[in-house]
Amino acid sequence: MKYRLYLLILFVFFMHDLFSQCTMCKAVAEEEVEEEGASGINAGILYIMLIPYIILFIVFRKKIVGFLKDLRKATGSSRT
């Protein structure tokens, strides 16, 4: 219970900093769209989004492959 209370206090304390980052991204995106289009910001967002998924796949690849094998056995389909 204390852990949740501490987490809530930290979240409330740093909430302004968390929301300020969204404002900064929005300002950069709006400025870039006005100048040259949104291709640069979109590539940046995709790059930032892709890296955690690659890391998670590398870390949990054995579990993912095992899950897919179990799922394939449960559905009765087989690949040849």
N, C-alpha and C. Protein backbone atom coordinates (compact mmCIF):
# COMPACT_ATOMS: atom_id res chain seq x y z
N MET A 1 0.83 -1.19 0.00
CA MET A 1 0.00 0.00 0.00
C MET A 1 0.88 1.26 0.00
N LYS A 2 1.98 1.21 0.75
CA LYS A 2 2.87 2.36 0.78
C LYS A 2 3.50 2.61 -0.58
N TYR A 3 3.79 1.51 -1.30
CA TYR A 3 4.40 1.63 -2.62
C TYR A 3 3.47 2.41 -3.55
N ARG A 4 2.20 2.09 -3.53
CA ARG A 4 1.23 2.79 -4.40
C ARG A 4 1.10 4.25 -4.01
N LEU A 5 1.13 4.53 -2.71
CA LEU A 5 1.03 5.91 -2.25
C LEU A 5 2.25 6.72 -2.71
N TYR A 6 3.44 6.14 -2.57
CA TYR A 6 4.65 6.82 -3.03
C TYR A 6 4.62 7.04 -4.54
N LEU A 7 4.15 6.06 -5.26
CA LEU A 7 4.06 6.18 -6.71
C LEU A 7 3.08 7.28 -7.11
N LEU A 8 1.97 7.36 -6.42
CA LEU A 8 0.97 8.40 -6.70
C LEU A 8 1.54 9.78 -6.39
N ILE A 9 2.25 9.91 -5.28
CA ILE A 9 2.86 11.20 -4.93
C ILE A 9 3.89 11.61 -5.97
N LEU A 10 4.73 10.67 -6.41
CA LEU A 10 5.72 10.99 -7.44
C LEU A 10 5.05 11.39 -8.75
N PHE A 11 3.98 10.69 -9.10
CA PHE A 11 3.27 11.02 -10.34
C PHE A 11 2.70 12.43 -10.27
N VAL A 12 2.08 12.77 -9.15
CA VAL A 12 1.49 14.10 -9.00
C VAL A 12 2.59 15.16 -9.01
N PHE A 13 3.71 14.86 -8.36
CA PHE A 13 4.81 15.82 -8.28
C PHE A 13 5.42 16.11 -9.65
N PHE A 14 5.54 15.08 -10.49
CA PHE A 14 6.17 15.25 -11.80
C PHE A 14 5.17 15.36 -12.95
N MET A 15 3.89 15.51 -12.65
CA MET A 15 2.87 15.55 -13.69
C MET A 15 3.09 16.72 -14.65
N HIS A 16 3.46 17.85 -14.13
CA HIS A 16 3.68 19.02 -14.99
C HIS A 16 4.80 18.75 -15.99
N ASP A 17 5.88 18.12 -15.54
CA ASP A 17 6.98 17.80 -16.45
C ASP A 17 6.55 16.81 -17.52
N LEU A 18 5.71 15.87 -17.16
CA LEU A 18 5.25 14.88 -18.13
C LEU A 18 4.41 15.53 -19.22
N PHE A 19 3.52 16.41 -18.84
CA PHE A 19 2.65 17.05 -19.82
C PHE A 19 3.40 18.11 -20.62
N SER A 20 4.45 18.69 -20.07
CA SER A 20 5.19 19.70 -20.82
C SER A 20 5.90 19.07 -22.02
N GLN A 21 6.31 17.83 -21.93
CA GLN A 21 6.95 17.17 -23.05
C GLN A 21 5.98 17.04 -24.23
N CYS A 22 4.72 16.75 -23.95
CA CYS A 22 3.73 16.66 -25.02
C CYS A 22 3.56 18.00 -25.73
N THR A 23 3.59 19.07 -24.98
CA THR A 23 3.45 20.39 -25.56
C THR A 23 4.65 20.71 -26.46
N MET A 24 5.81 20.30 -26.04
CA MET A 24 7.00 20.55 -26.85
C MET A 24 6.94 19.78 -28.16
N CYS A 25 6.52 18.53 -28.10
CA CYS A 25 6.41 17.73 -29.33
C CYS A 25 5.38 18.34 -30.27
N LYS A 26 4.28 18.79 -29.71
CA LYS A 26 3.23 19.40 -30.52
C LYS A 26 3.75 20.66 -31.21
N ALA A 27 4.49 21.48 -30.48
CA ALA A 27 5.02 22.71 -31.07
C ALA A 27 6.00 22.41 -32.19
N VAL A 28 6.85 21.43 -31.99
CA VAL A 28 7.81 21.06 -33.03
C VAL A 28 7.08 20.52 -34.26
N ALA A 29 6.07 19.71 -34.04
CA ALA A 29 5.31 19.14 -35.16
C ALA A 29 4.60 20.23 -35.95
N GLU A 30 3.96 21.16 -35.25
CA GLU A 30 3.24 22.23 -35.94
C GLU A 30 4.21 23.13 -36.72
N GLU A 31 5.36 23.40 -36.14
CA GLU A 31 6.35 24.24 -36.83
C GLU A 31 6.88 23.55 -38.07
N GLU A 32 7.13 22.26 -37.97
CA GLU A 32 7.68 21.53 -39.11
C GLU A 32 6.65 21.39 -40.24
N VAL A 33 5.39 21.21 -39.89
CA VAL A 33 4.34 21.10 -40.90
C VAL A 33 4.24 22.41 -41.68
N GLU A 34 4.35 23.53 -40.98
CA GLU A 34 4.27 24.82 -41.65
C GLU A 34 5.44 25.04 -42.60
N GLU A 35 6.61 24.54 -42.23
CA GLU A 35 7.80 24.77 -43.04
C GLU A 35 7.93 23.83 -44.22
N GLU A 36 7.89 22.52 -43.97
CA GLU A 36 8.23 21.60 -45.05
C GLU A 36 7.38 20.34 -45.11
N GLY A 37 6.44 20.18 -44.27
CA GLY A 37 5.65 18.95 -44.24
C GLY A 37 5.99 18.14 -43.01
N ALA A 38 5.26 17.08 -42.80
CA ALA A 38 5.39 16.32 -41.55
C ALA A 38 6.26 15.08 -41.70
N SER A 39 7.04 14.97 -42.73
CA SER A 39 7.80 13.73 -42.93
C SER A 39 8.88 13.53 -41.88
N GLY A 40 9.54 14.57 -41.45
CA GLY A 40 10.61 14.44 -40.46
C GLY A 40 10.11 14.00 -39.10
N ILE A 41 9.04 14.62 -38.65
CA ILE A 41 8.51 14.26 -37.33
C ILE A 41 7.92 12.85 -37.36
N ASN A 42 7.32 12.46 -38.46
CA ASN A 42 6.78 11.11 -38.56
C ASN A 42 7.88 10.06 -38.51
N ALA A 43 8.99 10.31 -39.18
CA ALA A 43 10.11 9.38 -39.14
C ALA A 43 10.68 9.29 -37.74
N GLY A 44 10.75 10.41 -37.03
CA GLY A 44 11.23 10.41 -35.66
C GLY A 44 10.34 9.62 -34.73
N ILE A 45 9.04 9.79 -34.89
CA ILE A 45 8.08 9.06 -34.06
C ILE A 45 8.19 7.57 -34.33
N LEU A 46 8.29 7.18 -35.59
CA LEU A 46 8.41 5.76 -35.91
C LEU A 46 9.69 5.17 -35.35
N TYR A 47 10.78 5.91 -35.41
CA TYR A 47 12.05 5.44 -34.87
C TYR A 47 11.96 5.24 -33.36
N ILE A 48 11.39 6.22 -32.66
CA ILE A 48 11.24 6.12 -31.21
C ILE A 48 10.30 4.98 -30.84
N MET A 49 9.28 4.76 -31.62
CA MET A 49 8.31 3.71 -31.33
C MET A 49 8.87 2.32 -31.62
N LEU A 50 9.72 2.19 -32.60
CA LEU A 50 10.21 0.89 -33.04
C LEU A 50 11.25 0.29 -32.11
N ILE A 51 12.12 1.09 -31.55
CA ILE A 51 13.23 0.60 -30.73
C ILE A 51 12.75 -0.20 -29.52
N PRO A 52 11.78 0.26 -28.73
CA PRO A 52 11.34 -0.57 -27.59
C PRO A 52 10.75 -1.91 -28.01
N TYR A 53 10.04 -1.95 -29.13
CA TYR A 53 9.49 -3.22 -29.59
C TYR A 53 10.59 -4.19 -30.00
N ILE A 54 11.64 -3.70 -30.60
CA ILE A 54 12.76 -4.57 -30.97
C ILE A 54 13.44 -5.11 -29.71
N ILE A 55 13.65 -4.24 -28.74
CA ILE A 55 14.28 -4.68 -27.49
C ILE A 55 13.41 -5.71 -26.78
N LEU A 56 12.10 -5.47 -26.71
CA LEU A 56 11.19 -6.42 -26.06
C LEU A 56 11.18 -7.76 -26.81
N PHE A 57 11.23 -7.73 -28.13
CA PHE A 57 11.24 -8.97 -28.88
C PHE A 57 12.51 -9.75 -28.61
N ILE A 58 13.65 -9.07 -28.54
CA ILE A 58 14.91 -9.76 -28.27
C ILE A 58 14.89 -10.38 -26.87
N VAL A 59 14.37 -9.65 -25.90
CA VAL A 59 14.36 -10.14 -24.52
C VAL A 59 13.39 -11.30 -24.36
N PHE A 60 12.21 -11.22 -24.97
CA PHE A 60 11.17 -12.21 -24.77
C PHE A 60 10.96 -13.14 -25.96
N ARG A 61 11.95 -13.30 -26.82
CA ARG A 61 11.75 -14.08 -28.05
C ARG A 61 11.42 -15.54 -27.77
N LYS A 62 12.01 -16.14 -26.75
CA LYS A 62 11.72 -17.54 -26.45
C LYS A 62 10.27 -17.71 -26.01
N LYS A 63 9.78 -16.78 -25.19
CA LYS A 63 8.39 -16.85 -24.74
C LYS A 63 7.43 -16.60 -25.90
N ILE A 64 7.79 -15.67 -26.78
CA ILE A 64 6.93 -15.36 -27.91
C ILE A 64 6.84 -16.56 -28.85
N VAL A 65 7.97 -17.16 -29.17
CA VAL A 65 7.99 -18.32 -30.07
C VAL A 65 7.24 -19.48 -29.43
N GLY A 66 7.45 -19.71 -28.13
CA GLY A 66 6.73 -20.77 -27.43
C GLY A 66 5.23 -20.54 -27.43
N PHE A 67 4.83 -19.29 -27.24
CA PHE A 67 3.41 -18.96 -27.26
C PHE A 67 2.82 -19.20 -28.64
N LEU A 68 3.53 -18.82 -29.68
CA LEU A 68 3.02 -19.03 -31.03
C LEU A 68 2.92 -20.52 -31.37
N LYS A 69 3.88 -21.33 -30.89
CA LYS A 69 3.81 -22.78 -31.10
C LYS A 69 2.62 -23.38 -30.38
N ASP A 70 2.40 -22.97 -29.13
CA ASP A 70 1.24 -23.46 -28.38
C ASP A 70 -0.06 -23.03 -29.02
N LEU A 71 -0.10 -21.82 -29.52
CA LEU A 71 -1.30 -21.33 -30.19
C LEU A 71 -1.57 -22.13 -31.47
N ARG A 72 -0.54 -22.42 -32.20
CA ARG A 72 -0.68 -23.19 -33.44
C ARG A 72 -1.18 -24.60 -33.13
N LYS A 73 -0.67 -25.22 -32.05
CA LYS A 73 -1.12 -26.55 -31.66
C LYS A 73 -2.58 -26.51 -31.21
N ALA A 74 -2.97 -25.46 -30.52
CA ALA A 74 -4.35 -25.35 -30.02
C ALA A 74 -5.35 -25.16 -31.15
N THR A 75 -4.96 -24.45 -32.19
CA THR A 75 -5.89 -24.23 -33.30
C THR A 75 -5.88 -25.38 -34.29
N GLY A 76 -4.89 -26.24 -34.19
CA GLY A 76 -4.84 -27.41 -35.06
C GLY A 76 -4.24 -27.15 -36.42
N SER A 77 -3.75 -25.97 -36.66
CA SER A 77 -3.16 -25.69 -37.97
C SER A 77 -1.68 -26.01 -37.92
N SER A 78 -1.16 -26.42 -39.07
CA SER A 78 0.26 -26.73 -39.15
C SER A 78 0.81 -26.12 -40.42
N ARG A 79 2.03 -25.65 -40.32
CA ARG A 79 2.69 -25.08 -41.50
C ARG A 79 3.61 -26.12 -42.07
N THR A 80 3.65 -26.18 -43.37
CA THR A 80 4.55 -27.11 -44.04
C THR A 80 5.48 -26.38 -44.95
